[in-house]
Structure formats: structure tokens, C-alpha cells
N, C-alpha and C. Protein backbone atom coordinates (compact mmCIF):
# COMPACT_ATOMS: atom_id res chain seq x y z
N MET A 1 0.84 -1.22 0.04
CA MET A 1 0.01 0.00 0.01
C MET A 1 0.77 1.31 -0.09
N SER A 2 0.64 2.19 -0.99
CA SER A 2 1.63 3.45 -1.00
C SER A 2 0.97 4.27 0.12
N LYS A 3 1.80 5.30 0.48
CA LYS A 3 1.57 6.21 1.31
C LYS A 3 0.98 7.58 0.85
N GLY A 4 0.05 8.19 1.08
CA GLY A 4 -0.31 9.47 0.48
C GLY A 4 0.28 10.70 1.16
N TYR A 5 0.65 11.51 0.24
CA TYR A 5 1.13 12.92 0.55
C TYR A 5 0.28 14.04 0.40
N ASP A 6 0.01 15.06 0.94
CA ASP A 6 -0.75 16.13 0.77
C ASP A 6 -0.17 17.06 -0.20
N LYS A 7 -0.92 17.95 -0.90
CA LYS A 7 -0.40 18.89 -1.69
C LYS A 7 0.63 19.89 -1.08
N ASP A 8 0.55 20.44 0.09
CA ASP A 8 1.55 21.10 0.70
C ASP A 8 2.86 20.49 0.64
N PHE A 9 2.90 19.00 1.14
CA PHE A 9 4.38 18.38 1.28
C PHE A 9 4.85 18.37 -0.02
N LYS A 10 4.11 17.77 -0.88
CA LYS A 10 4.54 17.90 -2.37
C LYS A 10 5.23 19.16 -3.04
N LEU A 11 4.56 20.28 -2.74
CA LEU A 11 5.07 21.53 -3.21
C LEU A 11 6.14 21.89 -2.24
N TYR A 12 6.38 21.81 -1.13
CA TYR A 12 7.37 21.79 -0.25
C TYR A 12 8.65 21.29 -0.91
N ALA A 13 8.44 19.83 -1.13
CA ALA A 13 9.56 19.05 -1.57
C ALA A 13 9.94 19.48 -2.88
N VAL A 14 9.03 19.69 -3.86
CA VAL A 14 9.35 20.22 -5.27
C VAL A 14 9.99 21.52 -5.09
N LYS A 15 9.47 22.55 -4.57
CA LYS A 15 10.13 23.84 -4.31
C LYS A 15 11.58 23.60 -3.92
N MET A 16 11.77 22.74 -3.20
CA MET A 16 13.23 22.72 -2.54
C MET A 16 14.33 22.23 -3.82
N VAL A 17 13.70 21.43 -4.50
CA VAL A 17 14.50 21.07 -5.78
C VAL A 17 14.52 22.06 -6.83
N VAL A 18 13.28 22.74 -7.12
CA VAL A 18 13.31 23.53 -8.30
C VAL A 18 13.93 24.88 -7.99
N LYS A 19 13.52 25.48 -6.84
CA LYS A 19 13.88 26.89 -6.33
C LYS A 19 15.40 26.95 -5.57
N ASP A 20 15.30 25.87 -4.70
CA ASP A 20 16.55 25.95 -3.84
C ASP A 20 17.67 24.92 -4.40
N GLY A 21 17.47 24.30 -5.48
CA GLY A 21 18.69 23.63 -6.15
C GLY A 21 19.08 22.37 -5.49
N LYS A 22 18.34 21.74 -4.68
CA LYS A 22 18.65 20.50 -3.91
C LYS A 22 18.63 19.33 -4.84
N LEU A 23 19.31 18.33 -4.77
CA LEU A 23 19.42 17.18 -5.63
C LEU A 23 18.19 16.31 -5.13
N VAL A 24 17.57 15.92 -6.25
CA VAL A 24 16.44 14.88 -5.98
C VAL A 24 16.83 13.64 -5.05
N ASP A 25 17.85 13.04 -5.51
CA ASP A 25 18.28 11.67 -4.73
C ASP A 25 18.59 12.14 -3.44
N GLU A 26 19.24 13.23 -2.91
CA GLU A 26 19.54 13.79 -1.56
C GLU A 26 18.47 14.03 -0.86
N LEU A 27 17.55 14.76 -1.44
CA LEU A 27 16.24 15.19 -0.72
C LEU A 27 15.47 14.01 -0.45
N ALA A 28 15.32 13.16 -1.48
CA ALA A 28 14.51 11.98 -1.08
C ALA A 28 14.90 11.19 -0.12
N ARG A 29 16.05 10.93 0.06
CA ARG A 29 16.66 10.30 1.11
C ARG A 29 16.30 10.89 2.48
N GLU A 30 16.67 12.43 2.50
CA GLU A 30 16.18 13.22 3.68
C GLU A 30 14.70 13.06 4.21
N LEU A 31 13.85 13.11 3.26
CA LEU A 31 12.42 13.02 3.46
C LEU A 31 11.94 11.45 3.48
N VAL A 32 12.69 10.74 3.32
CA VAL A 32 12.45 9.01 3.30
C VAL A 32 11.24 9.11 2.45
N LEU A 33 11.68 9.43 0.98
CA LEU A 33 10.81 9.22 -0.26
C LEU A 33 11.57 8.19 -1.11
N VAL A 34 10.84 7.51 -1.87
CA VAL A 34 11.43 6.87 -3.09
C VAL A 34 11.82 7.90 -4.20
N HIS A 35 13.17 8.04 -4.67
CA HIS A 35 13.46 9.08 -5.65
C HIS A 35 12.62 9.25 -6.81
N GLN A 36 12.21 8.01 -7.33
CA GLN A 36 11.39 8.06 -8.36
C GLN A 36 10.06 9.01 -8.22
N THR A 37 9.44 8.82 -7.00
CA THR A 37 8.40 9.50 -6.67
C THR A 37 8.55 11.01 -6.70
N LEU A 38 9.82 11.40 -6.09
CA LEU A 38 10.14 12.94 -6.23
C LEU A 38 10.40 13.40 -7.55
N HIS A 39 11.07 12.58 -8.25
CA HIS A 39 11.33 12.74 -9.84
C HIS A 39 9.75 13.19 -10.51
N LYS A 40 9.15 12.29 -10.35
CA LYS A 40 7.71 12.39 -10.96
C LYS A 40 6.77 13.67 -10.28
N TRP A 41 6.96 13.90 -9.05
CA TRP A 41 6.55 15.27 -8.55
C TRP A 41 6.92 16.55 -9.32
N VAL A 42 8.34 16.70 -9.36
CA VAL A 42 9.15 17.53 -9.97
C VAL A 42 8.53 17.85 -11.59
N GLY A 43 8.50 16.65 -12.16
CA GLY A 43 8.03 16.67 -13.54
C GLY A 43 6.59 17.41 -13.62
N LYS A 44 5.71 16.85 -12.71
CA LYS A 44 4.25 17.16 -12.78
C LYS A 44 4.13 18.60 -12.53
N TYR A 45 5.28 19.11 -11.39
CA TYR A 45 5.19 20.72 -11.02
C TYR A 45 5.70 21.51 -12.35
N LYS A 46 6.53 21.02 -13.08
CA LYS A 46 7.19 21.64 -14.22
C LYS A 46 6.14 21.77 -15.31
N GLU A 47 5.32 20.73 -15.46
CA GLU A 47 4.22 20.64 -16.48
C GLU A 47 3.05 21.73 -16.07
N ASP A 48 2.52 21.53 -14.91
CA ASP A 48 1.41 22.31 -14.56
C ASP A 48 1.39 23.55 -13.66
N GLN A 49 2.63 23.68 -13.02
CA GLN A 49 3.09 24.98 -12.09
C GLN A 49 1.89 24.79 -11.10
N GLY A 50 1.08 25.90 -10.85
CA GLY A 50 0.10 26.10 -9.77
C GLY A 50 -1.05 25.31 -9.83
N ASP A 51 -1.35 24.41 -10.96
CA ASP A 51 -2.25 23.42 -10.88
C ASP A 51 -1.89 22.17 -10.46
N SER A 52 -0.67 21.89 -10.02
CA SER A 52 0.02 20.61 -9.65
C SER A 52 -0.68 20.02 -8.46
N PHE A 53 -0.95 18.91 -8.47
CA PHE A 53 -1.29 18.16 -7.21
C PHE A 53 -2.83 18.53 -6.89
N VAL A 54 -3.80 18.42 -7.69
CA VAL A 54 -5.00 18.85 -7.41
C VAL A 54 -5.80 17.75 -6.78
N GLY A 55 -5.43 16.50 -6.26
CA GLY A 55 -5.79 15.58 -5.60
C GLY A 55 -6.75 14.51 -6.62
N SER A 56 -6.88 13.46 -5.78
CA SER A 56 -7.41 12.31 -6.67
C SER A 56 -8.93 12.80 -6.83
N GLY A 57 -9.35 12.59 -7.87
CA GLY A 57 -10.70 13.03 -8.35
C GLY A 57 -11.26 14.37 -8.81
N ASN A 58 -10.10 15.22 -8.70
CA ASN A 58 -10.22 16.50 -9.04
C ASN A 58 -9.78 16.85 -10.28
N LEU A 59 -10.14 17.90 -11.03
CA LEU A 59 -9.85 18.31 -12.28
C LEU A 59 -9.03 19.59 -12.05
N ILE A 60 -7.87 19.96 -12.95
CA ILE A 60 -7.12 21.03 -12.99
C ILE A 60 -8.29 22.08 -13.51
N PRO A 61 -7.98 23.35 -13.22
CA PRO A 61 -9.07 24.38 -13.75
C PRO A 61 -9.38 24.36 -15.07
N SER A 62 -8.38 24.17 -15.99
CA SER A 62 -8.66 24.33 -17.49
C SER A 62 -9.48 23.11 -17.87
N ASP A 63 -9.23 21.71 -17.33
CA ASP A 63 -10.16 20.69 -17.65
C ASP A 63 -11.51 20.75 -17.25
N LYS A 64 -11.49 21.48 -15.97
CA LYS A 64 -12.89 21.61 -15.38
C LYS A 64 -13.71 22.48 -16.18
N GLU A 65 -13.16 23.79 -16.69
CA GLU A 65 -13.77 24.53 -17.58
C GLU A 65 -14.22 23.61 -18.82
N GLU A 66 -13.52 22.96 -19.55
CA GLU A 66 -13.79 22.21 -20.50
C GLU A 66 -14.83 21.08 -20.35
N TYR A 67 -14.88 20.44 -19.18
CA TYR A 67 -15.91 19.66 -18.70
C TYR A 67 -17.19 20.31 -18.64
N GLU A 68 -17.12 21.46 -18.05
CA GLU A 68 -18.34 22.08 -17.76
C GLU A 68 -19.16 22.53 -19.14
N LYS A 69 -18.28 23.10 -20.01
CA LYS A 69 -18.83 23.47 -21.19
C LYS A 69 -19.61 22.14 -21.96
N ASN A 70 -19.01 21.03 -21.81
CA ASN A 70 -19.41 19.85 -22.45
C ASN A 70 -20.31 19.01 -21.76
N LYS A 71 -20.80 19.57 -20.63
CA LYS A 71 -21.98 18.90 -19.97
C LYS A 71 -23.31 18.85 -20.49
């Protein structure tokens, strides 16, 4: 079973890599994360920026607008 992490934790970890220049492997060890997980979070953040990590079952704002139009 995988452990769930909230949006704030993910953003904290990602920003330490993206803005503070921490190495993914090093930070993953410090935070007791699998480094592939942190790599995935960083990629998702770079793709979506502010819309990253909306949570299970939720849509990012642009997808939500499209969904509402086609309803």
C-alpha cells in the first residue's frame, strides 16, 4: 500500500528541488521518499505549475472548464 502525501508536502519538496537547487536523490533520502516519486512530482510541477497536485478525483481548472462546457 502506498503512502499518500498532501499537496503542501509535495509542493514543499518540489520547491526545494526547483527553487533551492537541492538534488532529488539527496532530498528523497532526507524526506524518506522513493527518488522516483520525487522525480515524478518535479516533472508534474514543471508541467502544471500552480495546478499541480489537485488531488484524486479533482480536475485542474482548465480541464474543469472544458468539462463544464461539454456537460
